[in-house]
Amino acid sequence: MATGGIFNINTEMTMMTTEQMIEFERQIEELRAEISACIDPDERQQIETELRFIRAELAAQDPGELP
């Protein structure tokens, strides 16, 4: 049995792939565009909440990558 096998699996599961980071960044840009075009305060608040959530997810994976 190889040593560190479980550690390697857990590390791989917590690391974000480049594709996932690109998707988060795409979602952030899309939400920014929605906010700039939004006139309904309730909808704007909902979009801002979603944007904060996505930024938090991205920061949890790589704090240096906040757009």
Protein backbone atom coordinates (compact mmCIF):
# COMPACT_ATOMS: atom_id res chain seq x y z
CA MET A 1 0.00 0.00 0.00
CA ALA A 2 1.38 3.44 -0.94
CA THR A 3 1.84 5.92 1.86
CA GLY A 4 -0.13 9.15 1.70
CA GLY A 5 -2.80 7.75 -0.61
CA ILE A 6 -5.70 9.16 1.36
CA PHE A 7 -3.97 12.53 1.74
CA ASN A 8 -3.43 12.76 -2.02
CA ILE A 9 -7.08 11.98 -2.73
CA ASN A 10 -8.28 14.62 -0.24
CA THR A 11 -5.89 17.21 -1.65
CA GLU A 12 -7.08 16.56 -5.18
CA MET A 13 -10.71 16.82 -4.09
CA THR A 14 -10.22 20.23 -2.46
CA MET A 15 -8.16 21.83 -5.22
CA MET A 16 -10.04 23.79 -7.86
CA THR A 17 -9.27 22.97 -11.46
CA THR A 18 -8.47 25.65 -14.00
CA GLU A 19 -11.79 24.94 -15.70
CA GLN A 20 -13.65 25.49 -12.43
CA MET A 21 -11.83 28.76 -11.82
CA ILE A 22 -12.67 29.94 -15.33
CA GLU A 23 -16.32 29.03 -14.73
CA PHE A 24 -16.39 30.98 -11.43
CA GLU A 25 -14.84 33.99 -13.17
CA ARG A 26 -17.37 33.73 -16.02
CA GLN A 27 -20.22 33.62 -13.51
CA ILE A 28 -18.84 36.66 -11.70
CA GLU A 29 -18.63 38.66 -14.93
CA GLU A 30 -22.16 37.59 -15.87
CA LEU A 31 -23.51 38.66 -12.47
CA ARG A 32 -21.72 42.00 -12.70
CA ALA A 33 -23.40 42.61 -16.04
CA GLU A 34 -26.78 41.66 -14.59
CA ILE A 35 -26.29 44.05 -11.66
CA SER A 36 -25.42 46.94 -13.94
CA ALA A 37 -28.60 46.40 -15.96
CA CYS A 38 -30.89 45.65 -13.02
CA ILE A 39 -33.45 48.26 -11.90
CA ASP A 40 -35.43 46.16 -9.40
CA PRO A 41 -33.92 46.56 -5.90
CA ASP A 42 -35.01 43.10 -4.74
CA GLU A 43 -33.55 41.41 -7.80
CA ARG A 44 -30.36 43.47 -7.46
CA GLN A 45 -29.98 42.33 -3.85
CA GLN A 46 -30.47 38.71 -4.88
CA ILE A 47 -27.81 39.03 -7.60
CA GLU A 48 -25.40 40.72 -5.17
CA THR A 49 -25.92 37.90 -2.69
CA GLU A 50 -25.15 35.33 -5.37
CA LEU A 51 -22.07 37.30 -6.41
CA ARG A 52 -20.79 37.39 -2.81
CA PHE A 53 -21.34 33.63 -2.52
CA ILE A 54 -19.41 32.89 -5.71
CA ARG A 55 -16.57 35.20 -4.68
CA ALA A 56 -16.40 33.48 -1.28
CA GLU A 57 -16.22 30.08 -2.97
CA LEU A 58 -13.42 31.29 -5.22
CA ALA A 59 -11.56 32.89 -2.29
CA ALA A 60 -11.83 29.68 -0.29
CA GLN A 61 -10.04 27.84 -3.07
CA ASP A 62 -7.49 30.49 -4.06
CA PRO A 63 -7.44 33.78 -2.15
CA GLY A 64 -5.24 35.44 -4.77
CA GLU A 65 -7.75 34.97 -7.58
CA LEU A 66 -10.60 37.37 -6.78
CA PRO A 67 -11.74 39.26 -9.88
